[in-house]
N, C-alpha and C. Protein backbone atom coordinates (compact mmCIF):
# COMPACT_ATOMS: atom_id res chain seq x y z
N MET A 1 -82.23 -149.62 68.69
CA MET A 1 -81.85 -150.92 68.18
C MET A 1 -80.33 -151.08 68.21
N LYS A 2 -79.59 -149.98 68.02
CA LYS A 2 -78.14 -150.09 68.05
C LYS A 2 -77.69 -150.53 69.43
N THR A 3 -78.23 -149.88 70.46
CA THR A 3 -77.86 -150.22 71.81
C THR A 3 -78.23 -151.66 72.12
N ARG A 4 -79.38 -152.05 71.71
CA ARG A 4 -79.88 -153.38 71.98
C ARG A 4 -79.07 -154.42 71.24
N ALA A 5 -78.53 -154.05 70.08
CA ALA A 5 -77.69 -154.92 69.26
C ALA A 5 -78.40 -156.23 68.91
N LEU A 6 -79.70 -156.20 68.86
CA LEU A 6 -80.47 -157.42 68.60
C LEU A 6 -80.12 -158.02 67.26
N LEU A 7 -80.14 -157.21 66.22
CA LEU A 7 -79.95 -157.76 64.88
C LEU A 7 -78.52 -158.25 64.68
N ASN A 8 -77.54 -157.57 65.25
CA ASN A 8 -76.16 -158.02 65.12
C ASN A 8 -75.90 -159.27 65.96
N LEU A 9 -76.44 -159.29 67.17
CA LEU A 9 -76.21 -160.43 68.06
C LEU A 9 -76.74 -161.72 67.47
N ARG A 10 -77.88 -161.66 66.90
CA ARG A 10 -78.52 -162.88 66.43
C ARG A 10 -78.35 -163.10 64.93
N ARG A 11 -77.45 -162.35 64.32
CA ARG A 11 -77.07 -162.50 62.91
C ARG A 11 -78.24 -162.35 61.94
N TYR A 12 -79.12 -161.44 62.22
CA TYR A 12 -80.22 -161.16 61.30
C TYR A 12 -79.76 -160.22 60.20
N ILE A 13 -80.37 -160.34 59.05
CA ILE A 13 -80.11 -159.45 57.92
C ILE A 13 -81.39 -158.68 57.63
N VAL A 14 -81.29 -157.36 57.51
CA VAL A 14 -82.45 -156.53 57.20
C VAL A 14 -82.21 -155.89 55.85
N ASP A 15 -83.08 -156.19 54.90
CA ASP A 15 -82.94 -155.62 53.56
C ASP A 15 -83.47 -154.21 53.46
N GLU A 16 -84.57 -153.92 54.16
CA GLU A 16 -85.16 -152.60 54.07
C GLU A 16 -85.93 -152.26 55.35
N VAL A 17 -86.10 -150.97 55.56
CA VAL A 17 -86.90 -150.46 56.67
C VAL A 17 -88.07 -149.71 56.05
N LEU A 18 -89.27 -150.13 56.39
CA LEU A 18 -90.47 -149.48 55.86
C LEU A 18 -90.97 -148.45 56.86
N GLU A 19 -91.41 -147.30 56.36
CA GLU A 19 -91.92 -146.25 57.24
C GLU A 19 -93.41 -146.10 57.01
N TYR A 20 -94.15 -146.15 58.12
CA TYR A 20 -95.59 -145.93 58.10
C TYR A 20 -95.89 -144.66 58.88
N GLU A 21 -97.16 -144.32 58.99
CA GLU A 21 -97.56 -143.08 59.65
C GLU A 21 -97.07 -143.00 61.10
N ASN A 22 -97.20 -144.11 61.84
CA ASN A 22 -96.88 -144.07 63.27
C ASN A 22 -95.73 -144.99 63.67
N ARG A 23 -95.14 -145.72 62.71
CA ARG A 23 -94.11 -146.69 63.08
C ARG A 23 -93.19 -147.00 61.90
N TYR A 24 -92.09 -147.64 62.26
CA TYR A 24 -91.19 -148.23 61.27
C TYR A 24 -91.36 -149.74 61.36
N ALA A 25 -91.17 -150.42 60.26
CA ALA A 25 -91.28 -151.88 60.25
C ALA A 25 -90.03 -152.47 59.63
N LEU A 26 -89.46 -153.45 60.30
CA LEU A 26 -88.30 -154.17 59.80
C LEU A 26 -88.69 -155.64 59.68
N TYR A 27 -88.14 -156.30 58.69
CA TYR A 27 -88.41 -157.71 58.48
C TYR A 27 -87.09 -158.48 58.41
N PRO A 28 -86.42 -158.64 59.56
CA PRO A 28 -85.12 -159.31 59.58
C PRO A 28 -85.26 -160.81 59.30
N GLU A 29 -84.24 -161.37 58.66
CA GLU A 29 -84.20 -162.80 58.37
C GLU A 29 -82.81 -163.33 58.70
N LYS A 30 -82.76 -164.61 59.04
CA LYS A 30 -81.47 -165.28 59.19
C LYS A 30 -81.62 -166.72 58.75
N THR A 31 -80.53 -167.31 58.34
CA THR A 31 -80.53 -168.69 57.90
C THR A 31 -79.94 -169.54 59.01
N ASP A 32 -80.66 -170.60 59.38
CA ASP A 32 -80.22 -171.50 60.44
C ASP A 32 -80.36 -172.93 59.93
N GLU A 33 -79.24 -173.57 59.65
CA GLU A 33 -79.22 -174.94 59.15
C GLU A 33 -80.09 -175.10 57.91
N GLY A 34 -79.99 -174.15 57.00
CA GLY A 34 -80.72 -174.22 55.74
C GLY A 34 -82.12 -173.64 55.77
N ASP A 35 -82.67 -173.41 56.94
CA ASP A 35 -84.00 -172.83 57.07
C ASP A 35 -83.90 -171.31 57.19
N VAL A 36 -84.82 -170.60 56.54
CA VAL A 36 -84.87 -169.14 56.65
C VAL A 36 -85.84 -168.80 57.77
N LEU A 37 -85.33 -168.13 58.80
CA LEU A 37 -86.14 -167.73 59.95
C LEU A 37 -86.47 -166.26 59.81
N LYS A 38 -87.75 -165.93 59.84
CA LYS A 38 -88.20 -164.56 59.65
C LYS A 38 -88.73 -164.00 60.96
N SER A 39 -88.56 -162.70 61.13
CA SER A 39 -89.08 -161.98 62.28
C SER A 39 -89.70 -160.68 61.80
N ILE A 40 -90.45 -160.06 62.69
CA ILE A 40 -91.04 -158.76 62.42
C ILE A 40 -90.73 -157.84 63.59
N VAL A 41 -90.26 -156.62 63.30
CA VAL A 41 -89.99 -155.63 64.34
C VAL A 41 -90.74 -154.36 63.98
N TRP A 42 -91.60 -153.91 64.90
CA TRP A 42 -92.28 -152.63 64.73
C TRP A 42 -91.70 -151.67 65.75
N ILE A 43 -91.24 -150.51 65.28
CA ILE A 43 -90.69 -149.48 66.17
C ILE A 43 -91.59 -148.26 66.06
N PHE A 44 -92.23 -147.90 67.15
CA PHE A 44 -93.16 -146.77 67.14
C PHE A 44 -92.40 -145.45 67.19
N LYS A 45 -92.86 -144.49 66.40
CA LYS A 45 -92.20 -143.18 66.33
C LYS A 45 -92.38 -142.40 67.63
N GLU A 46 -93.55 -142.47 68.19
CA GLU A 46 -93.85 -141.79 69.45
C GLU A 46 -94.18 -142.85 70.50
N PRO A 47 -93.64 -142.72 71.72
CA PRO A 47 -94.00 -143.68 72.76
C PRO A 47 -95.51 -143.67 73.00
N LYS A 48 -96.09 -144.85 73.16
CA LYS A 48 -97.53 -144.94 73.34
C LYS A 48 -97.88 -146.14 74.20
N VAL A 49 -99.11 -146.14 74.69
CA VAL A 49 -99.62 -147.28 75.43
C VAL A 49 -100.04 -148.33 74.41
N ILE A 50 -99.55 -149.55 74.62
CA ILE A 50 -99.82 -150.64 73.69
C ILE A 50 -100.86 -151.57 74.29
N GLY A 51 -101.93 -151.76 73.54
CA GLY A 51 -102.99 -152.66 73.96
C GLY A 51 -102.99 -153.95 73.15
N VAL A 52 -103.94 -154.80 73.45
CA VAL A 52 -104.02 -156.11 72.81
C VAL A 52 -104.29 -156.01 71.31
N ALA A 53 -104.94 -154.96 70.85
CA ALA A 53 -105.25 -154.80 69.42
C ALA A 53 -103.97 -154.71 68.59
N ILE A 54 -102.98 -153.97 69.07
CA ILE A 54 -101.72 -153.84 68.33
C ILE A 54 -100.97 -155.16 68.33
N VAL A 55 -100.98 -155.86 69.46
CA VAL A 55 -100.32 -157.17 69.53
C VAL A 55 -101.02 -158.14 68.58
N ARG A 56 -102.33 -158.06 68.50
CA ARG A 56 -103.09 -158.91 67.58
C ARG A 56 -102.70 -158.60 66.12
N ASP A 57 -102.53 -157.30 65.81
CA ASP A 57 -102.15 -156.90 64.45
C ASP A 57 -100.79 -157.47 64.05
N ILE A 58 -99.81 -157.36 64.94
CA ILE A 58 -98.49 -157.91 64.60
C ILE A 58 -98.56 -159.43 64.54
N GLY A 59 -99.40 -160.04 65.36
CA GLY A 59 -99.59 -161.49 65.31
C GLY A 59 -100.15 -161.95 63.97
N LYS A 60 -101.12 -161.19 63.44
CA LYS A 60 -101.68 -161.51 62.12
C LYS A 60 -100.60 -161.41 61.05
N GLU A 61 -99.81 -160.33 61.12
CA GLU A 61 -98.75 -160.15 60.13
C GLU A 61 -97.70 -161.26 60.25
N MET A 62 -97.43 -161.72 61.46
CA MET A 62 -96.50 -162.83 61.65
C MET A 62 -97.02 -164.09 60.97
N GLU A 63 -98.32 -164.36 61.10
CA GLU A 63 -98.91 -165.53 60.45
C GLU A 63 -98.83 -165.40 58.93
N GLU A 64 -99.13 -164.22 58.40
CA GLU A 64 -99.12 -164.01 56.95
C GLU A 64 -97.72 -164.16 56.34
N THR A 65 -96.69 -163.78 57.10
CA THR A 65 -95.32 -163.83 56.57
C THR A 65 -94.54 -165.04 57.07
N ASN A 66 -95.21 -165.93 57.81
CA ASN A 66 -94.56 -167.13 58.38
C ASN A 66 -93.36 -166.76 59.26
N SER A 67 -93.53 -165.73 60.09
CA SER A 67 -92.47 -165.28 60.99
C SER A 67 -92.52 -166.07 62.28
N ILE A 68 -91.33 -166.33 62.84
CA ILE A 68 -91.26 -167.12 64.07
C ILE A 68 -91.39 -166.25 65.32
N GLN A 69 -91.09 -164.97 65.19
CA GLN A 69 -91.19 -164.09 66.36
C GLN A 69 -91.45 -162.67 65.91
N GLY A 70 -91.97 -161.87 66.85
CA GLY A 70 -92.23 -160.47 66.60
C GLY A 70 -91.70 -159.63 67.73
N MET A 71 -91.59 -158.33 67.48
CA MET A 71 -91.10 -157.42 68.51
C MET A 71 -91.77 -156.07 68.34
N LEU A 72 -92.27 -155.54 69.44
CA LEU A 72 -92.84 -154.19 69.47
C LEU A 72 -91.92 -153.32 70.31
N VAL A 73 -91.41 -152.24 69.73
CA VAL A 73 -90.47 -151.37 70.43
C VAL A 73 -91.09 -149.98 70.55
N GLY A 74 -91.04 -149.42 71.74
CA GLY A 74 -91.45 -148.03 71.91
C GLY A 74 -92.70 -147.80 72.71
N GLY A 75 -93.21 -148.82 73.35
CA GLY A 75 -94.37 -148.62 74.20
C GLY A 75 -93.96 -148.03 75.54
N ILE A 76 -94.69 -147.03 76.01
CA ILE A 76 -94.38 -146.50 77.34
C ILE A 76 -95.00 -147.38 78.41
N ARG A 77 -96.06 -148.09 78.01
CA ARG A 77 -96.73 -149.02 78.93
C ARG A 77 -97.47 -150.04 78.09
N TYR A 78 -97.50 -151.26 78.59
CA TYR A 78 -98.23 -152.33 77.93
C TYR A 78 -99.34 -152.79 78.87
N THR A 79 -100.54 -152.93 78.34
CA THR A 79 -101.66 -153.36 79.18
C THR A 79 -101.43 -154.82 79.59
N PRO A 80 -102.00 -155.24 80.73
CA PRO A 80 -101.85 -156.63 81.15
C PRO A 80 -102.34 -157.63 80.09
N ALA A 81 -103.42 -157.30 79.42
CA ALA A 81 -103.94 -158.19 78.37
C ALA A 81 -102.95 -158.27 77.21
N ALA A 82 -102.32 -157.15 76.86
CA ALA A 82 -101.33 -157.14 75.78
C ALA A 82 -100.12 -157.99 76.15
N LYS A 83 -99.69 -157.92 77.41
CA LYS A 83 -98.55 -158.72 77.86
C LYS A 83 -98.85 -160.20 77.76
N LYS A 84 -100.03 -160.58 78.21
CA LYS A 84 -100.43 -162.00 78.17
C LYS A 84 -100.55 -162.48 76.72
N PHE A 85 -101.20 -161.71 75.90
CA PHE A 85 -101.40 -162.09 74.50
C PHE A 85 -100.05 -162.15 73.77
N ALA A 86 -99.16 -161.21 74.07
CA ALA A 86 -97.85 -161.18 73.43
C ALA A 86 -97.05 -162.44 73.78
N ARG A 87 -97.13 -162.86 75.02
CA ARG A 87 -96.42 -164.07 75.44
C ARG A 87 -96.90 -165.28 74.64
N ASP A 88 -98.22 -165.37 74.45
CA ASP A 88 -98.80 -166.48 73.70
C ASP A 88 -98.46 -166.43 72.22
N MET A 89 -98.31 -165.22 71.68
CA MET A 89 -98.07 -165.04 70.24
C MET A 89 -96.57 -164.97 69.88
N ARG A 90 -95.67 -165.12 70.85
CA ARG A 90 -94.22 -165.01 70.63
C ARG A 90 -93.83 -163.60 70.17
N VAL A 91 -94.42 -162.60 70.80
CA VAL A 91 -94.10 -161.20 70.50
C VAL A 91 -93.39 -160.62 71.71
N GLU A 92 -92.19 -160.11 71.50
CA GLU A 92 -91.43 -159.50 72.58
C GLU A 92 -91.82 -158.03 72.67
N LEU A 93 -92.06 -157.56 73.89
CA LEU A 93 -92.45 -156.17 74.14
C LEU A 93 -91.25 -155.43 74.72
N VAL A 94 -90.80 -154.38 74.04
CA VAL A 94 -89.65 -153.61 74.48
C VAL A 94 -90.13 -152.21 74.81
N GLU A 95 -89.94 -151.82 76.06
CA GLU A 95 -90.39 -150.50 76.49
C GLU A 95 -89.56 -149.42 75.82
N GLY A 96 -90.15 -148.25 75.67
CA GLY A 96 -89.47 -147.14 75.01
C GLY A 96 -88.62 -146.32 75.94
N GLY A 97 -88.57 -146.67 77.22
CA GLY A 97 -87.85 -145.85 78.19
C GLY A 97 -86.39 -146.20 78.35
N TYR A 98 -85.68 -146.47 77.26
CA TYR A 98 -84.26 -146.75 77.37
C TYR A 98 -83.48 -145.47 77.56
N ALA A 99 -82.30 -145.61 78.13
CA ALA A 99 -81.44 -144.46 78.34
C ALA A 99 -81.00 -143.90 76.99
N SER A 100 -80.65 -142.63 76.99
CA SER A 100 -80.22 -141.98 75.75
C SER A 100 -78.75 -142.22 75.45
N PHE A 101 -78.08 -143.03 76.27
CA PHE A 101 -76.68 -143.35 76.02
C PHE A 101 -76.54 -144.87 75.95
N ASP A 102 -75.42 -145.31 75.41
CA ASP A 102 -75.15 -146.74 75.32
C ASP A 102 -74.69 -147.24 76.68
N LEU A 103 -75.52 -148.06 77.31
CA LEU A 103 -75.26 -148.55 78.66
C LEU A 103 -73.90 -149.21 78.77
N PHE A 104 -73.52 -149.98 77.78
CA PHE A 104 -72.29 -150.76 77.86
C PHE A 104 -71.04 -149.96 77.54
N GLU A 105 -71.20 -148.70 77.16
CA GLU A 105 -70.04 -147.83 76.94
C GLU A 105 -69.60 -147.16 78.24
N HIS A 106 -70.40 -147.26 79.29
CA HIS A 106 -70.05 -146.63 80.56
C HIS A 106 -68.92 -147.42 81.22
N GLU A 107 -67.97 -146.70 81.83
CA GLU A 107 -66.79 -147.35 82.39
C GLU A 107 -67.09 -148.26 83.57
N LEU A 108 -68.19 -148.07 84.26
CA LEU A 108 -68.52 -148.89 85.43
C LEU A 108 -69.38 -150.11 85.10
N VAL A 109 -69.81 -150.23 83.85
CA VAL A 109 -70.66 -151.36 83.47
C VAL A 109 -69.79 -152.41 82.77
N PRO A 110 -69.69 -153.61 83.38
CA PRO A 110 -68.90 -154.65 82.73
C PRO A 110 -69.60 -155.19 81.49
N ARG A 111 -68.87 -155.91 80.68
CA ARG A 111 -69.43 -156.47 79.44
C ARG A 111 -70.40 -157.59 79.77
N HIS A 112 -71.59 -157.51 79.21
CA HIS A 112 -72.63 -158.53 79.37
C HIS A 112 -72.91 -159.15 78.00
N THR A 113 -73.06 -160.46 77.94
CA THR A 113 -73.47 -161.14 76.72
C THR A 113 -74.39 -162.29 77.09
N ILE A 114 -75.19 -162.71 76.13
CA ILE A 114 -76.02 -163.90 76.33
C ILE A 114 -75.13 -165.10 76.04
N ALA A 115 -74.96 -165.97 77.03
CA ALA A 115 -74.06 -167.12 76.88
C ALA A 115 -74.69 -168.17 75.97
N GLU A 116 -73.86 -168.78 75.15
CA GLU A 116 -74.30 -169.90 74.30
C GLU A 116 -74.63 -171.08 75.20
N GLU A 117 -75.57 -171.90 74.77
CA GLU A 117 -76.00 -173.05 75.57
C GLU A 117 -74.84 -174.02 75.81
N SER A 118 -73.94 -174.18 74.83
CA SER A 118 -72.80 -175.09 75.01
C SER A 118 -71.87 -174.58 76.11
N GLU A 119 -71.67 -173.26 76.17
CA GLU A 119 -70.82 -172.67 77.21
C GLU A 119 -71.45 -172.87 78.59
N VAL A 120 -72.76 -172.69 78.66
CA VAL A 120 -73.48 -172.87 79.92
C VAL A 120 -73.33 -174.31 80.41
N GLN A 121 -73.46 -175.28 79.49
CA GLN A 121 -73.33 -176.69 79.86
C GLN A 121 -71.92 -177.00 80.37
N LEU A 122 -70.90 -176.40 79.75
CA LEU A 122 -69.53 -176.58 80.23
C LEU A 122 -69.38 -176.10 81.67
N VAL A 123 -69.90 -174.92 81.95
CA VAL A 123 -69.80 -174.35 83.30
C VAL A 123 -70.56 -175.22 84.30
N LEU A 124 -71.78 -175.61 83.94
CA LEU A 124 -72.59 -176.44 84.84
C LEU A 124 -71.92 -177.78 85.11
N ASN A 125 -71.38 -178.41 84.07
CA ASN A 125 -70.71 -179.70 84.25
C ASN A 125 -69.46 -179.56 85.10
N HIS A 126 -68.71 -178.47 84.88
CA HIS A 126 -67.47 -178.24 85.64
C HIS A 126 -67.75 -178.12 87.15
N TYR A 127 -68.82 -177.41 87.48
CA TYR A 127 -69.13 -177.19 88.90
C TYR A 127 -70.14 -178.20 89.45
N GLY A 128 -70.62 -179.12 88.61
CA GLY A 128 -71.56 -180.15 89.07
C GLY A 128 -72.85 -179.57 89.62
N MET A 129 -73.43 -178.67 88.85
CA MET A 129 -74.66 -178.02 89.31
C MET A 129 -75.70 -177.99 88.21
N LYS A 130 -76.90 -177.62 88.58
CA LYS A 130 -78.00 -177.47 87.63
C LYS A 130 -78.18 -175.99 87.31
N LYS A 131 -78.86 -175.72 86.19
CA LYS A 131 -79.04 -174.34 85.73
C LYS A 131 -79.75 -173.48 86.78
N PHE A 132 -80.76 -174.04 87.45
CA PHE A 132 -81.53 -173.26 88.42
C PHE A 132 -80.70 -172.88 89.64
N GLN A 133 -79.51 -173.49 89.82
CA GLN A 133 -78.66 -173.17 90.96
C GLN A 133 -77.73 -171.98 90.71
N LEU A 134 -77.71 -171.48 89.47
CA LEU A 134 -76.89 -170.30 89.17
C LEU A 134 -77.45 -169.08 89.90
N PRO A 135 -76.59 -168.11 90.21
CA PRO A 135 -77.11 -166.84 90.73
C PRO A 135 -78.05 -166.22 89.71
N ARG A 136 -78.99 -165.43 90.18
CA ARG A 136 -80.03 -164.91 89.30
C ARG A 136 -79.82 -163.43 88.97
N ILE A 137 -80.43 -163.05 87.85
CA ILE A 137 -80.51 -161.64 87.45
C ILE A 137 -81.92 -161.43 86.92
N LEU A 138 -82.55 -160.35 87.32
CA LEU A 138 -83.94 -160.10 86.93
C LEU A 138 -84.04 -159.70 85.47
N ARG A 139 -85.13 -160.10 84.84
CA ARG A 139 -85.30 -159.78 83.42
C ARG A 139 -85.51 -158.28 83.20
N ASN A 140 -85.87 -157.52 84.25
CA ASN A 140 -86.01 -156.08 84.08
C ASN A 140 -84.74 -155.31 84.47
N ASP A 141 -83.64 -156.02 84.69
CA ASP A 141 -82.34 -155.38 84.89
C ASP A 141 -82.00 -154.63 83.61
N PRO A 142 -81.48 -153.41 83.71
CA PRO A 142 -81.21 -152.63 82.49
C PRO A 142 -80.33 -153.36 81.47
N ALA A 143 -79.31 -154.05 81.91
CA ALA A 143 -78.44 -154.77 80.96
C ALA A 143 -79.18 -155.91 80.27
N VAL A 144 -80.01 -156.62 81.01
CA VAL A 144 -80.78 -157.72 80.44
C VAL A 144 -81.79 -157.19 79.43
N ARG A 145 -82.43 -156.07 79.77
CA ARG A 145 -83.39 -155.47 78.84
C ARG A 145 -82.72 -155.03 77.55
N VAL A 146 -81.54 -154.43 77.66
CA VAL A 146 -80.84 -153.96 76.47
C VAL A 146 -80.43 -155.14 75.59
N LEU A 147 -79.98 -156.22 76.20
CA LEU A 147 -79.58 -157.40 75.43
C LEU A 147 -80.78 -158.13 74.83
N GLY A 148 -81.94 -157.98 75.45
CA GLY A 148 -83.11 -158.70 74.96
C GLY A 148 -83.13 -160.14 75.40
N ALA A 149 -82.49 -160.44 76.53
CA ALA A 149 -82.44 -161.82 77.03
C ALA A 149 -83.81 -162.25 77.51
N LYS A 150 -84.09 -163.51 77.34
CA LYS A 150 -85.36 -164.09 77.75
C LYS A 150 -85.18 -164.88 79.04
N ILE A 151 -86.28 -165.14 79.71
CA ILE A 151 -86.26 -165.91 80.94
C ILE A 151 -85.65 -167.28 80.64
N ARG A 152 -84.82 -167.78 81.54
CA ARG A 152 -84.09 -169.05 81.48
C ARG A 152 -82.84 -169.00 80.61
N GLN A 153 -82.53 -167.83 80.01
CA GLN A 153 -81.24 -167.70 79.34
C GLN A 153 -80.21 -167.32 80.39
N VAL A 154 -78.94 -167.51 80.06
CA VAL A 154 -77.87 -167.20 80.99
C VAL A 154 -77.04 -166.04 80.44
N ILE A 155 -76.76 -165.08 81.31
CA ILE A 155 -75.96 -163.91 80.96
C ILE A 155 -74.54 -164.13 81.48
N ARG A 156 -73.54 -163.90 80.61
CA ARG A 156 -72.14 -163.96 81.03
C ARG A 156 -71.67 -162.53 81.24
N ILE A 157 -71.14 -162.27 82.42
CA ILE A 157 -70.63 -160.94 82.76
C ILE A 157 -69.12 -161.05 82.87
N GLU A 158 -68.42 -160.21 82.10
CA GLU A 158 -66.96 -160.24 82.10
C GLU A 158 -66.45 -159.02 82.84
N ARG A 159 -65.72 -159.25 83.92
CA ARG A 159 -65.20 -158.16 84.73
C ARG A 159 -63.68 -158.18 84.70
N ALA A 160 -63.09 -157.00 84.69
CA ALA A 160 -61.63 -156.89 84.74
C ALA A 160 -61.18 -157.12 86.18
N SER A 161 -60.12 -157.91 86.31
CA SER A 161 -59.58 -158.22 87.63
C SER A 161 -58.09 -157.86 87.64
N PRO A 162 -57.64 -157.15 88.67
CA PRO A 162 -56.22 -156.77 88.70
C PRO A 162 -55.28 -157.98 88.83
N THR A 163 -55.75 -159.07 89.43
CA THR A 163 -54.89 -160.23 89.61
C THR A 163 -55.11 -161.32 88.56
N ALA A 164 -56.34 -161.52 88.12
CA ALA A 164 -56.64 -162.62 87.19
C ALA A 164 -56.80 -162.18 85.75
N GLY A 165 -56.72 -160.90 85.48
CA GLY A 165 -56.93 -160.39 84.12
C GLY A 165 -58.40 -160.11 83.90
N SER A 166 -59.16 -161.14 83.56
CA SER A 166 -60.61 -160.97 83.46
C SER A 166 -61.28 -162.22 84.03
N THR A 167 -62.42 -162.01 84.64
CA THR A 167 -63.17 -163.11 85.23
C THR A 167 -64.58 -163.10 84.67
N TYR A 168 -65.19 -164.29 84.65
CA TYR A 168 -66.53 -164.44 84.11
C TYR A 168 -67.49 -164.83 85.23
N TYR A 169 -68.65 -164.23 85.18
CA TYR A 169 -69.72 -164.52 86.12
C TYR A 169 -70.96 -164.89 85.30
N TYR A 170 -71.70 -165.85 85.76
CA TYR A 170 -72.88 -166.31 85.02
C TYR A 170 -74.12 -166.08 85.87
N ARG A 171 -75.15 -165.53 85.25
CA ARG A 171 -76.41 -165.24 85.93
C ARG A 171 -77.57 -165.78 85.11
N LEU A 172 -78.50 -166.43 85.77
CA LEU A 172 -79.71 -166.96 85.14
C LEU A 172 -80.78 -165.87 85.13
N VAL A 173 -81.37 -165.61 83.97
CA VAL A 173 -82.40 -164.58 83.86
C VAL A 173 -83.70 -165.17 84.40
N VAL A 174 -84.28 -164.47 85.37
CA VAL A 174 -85.55 -164.89 85.98
C VAL A 174 -86.58 -163.79 85.86
N ASP A 175 -87.83 -164.16 86.02
CA ASP A 175 -88.93 -163.20 85.94
C ASP A 175 -88.88 -162.26 87.13
N ALA A 176 -89.18 -161.01 86.87
CA ALA A 176 -89.19 -160.01 87.94
C ALA A 176 -90.41 -160.19 88.81
N PRO A 177 -90.27 -160.03 90.13
CA PRO A 177 -91.46 -160.13 90.99
C PRO A 177 -92.42 -158.99 90.71
N LEU A 178 -93.70 -159.26 90.90
CA LEU A 178 -94.72 -158.24 90.64
C LEU A 178 -94.77 -157.20 91.70
């Protein structure tokens, strides 16, 4: 979760972490224009194959707690039915196969962030283009996975330039081909 920086990026507050036999559970919340937005994050202790039953369980808990989204972290593989059901239930599936180091601390990896929609509109208006005309980046790209970006979000990549100081590149997150 530290590498992913999900909770810090999206300004969630976590009061407690609950430990169960096979997983940890977090219930992050954030306030957006006076509304309290709740989420559920389950982190499995051991990597495992995740089926539709587990996605259904987190979906039930989301309904009971009025959560807007859920996240399952630590699956080594997700069944096709679980992927489909998770998409319908607003549950993000995060594979457990992340690197053991912080990807963005490596000297060859430029800084990646999820661009705010207002920034994206400025760029699009400046160049007179539509969002779909931006260069693409696959959702299974390691940097995109670590950030937790969703399809149709835009990633801003900041690279150091010897002549310009720093330059920004924008990439549209697209679904990976099968």
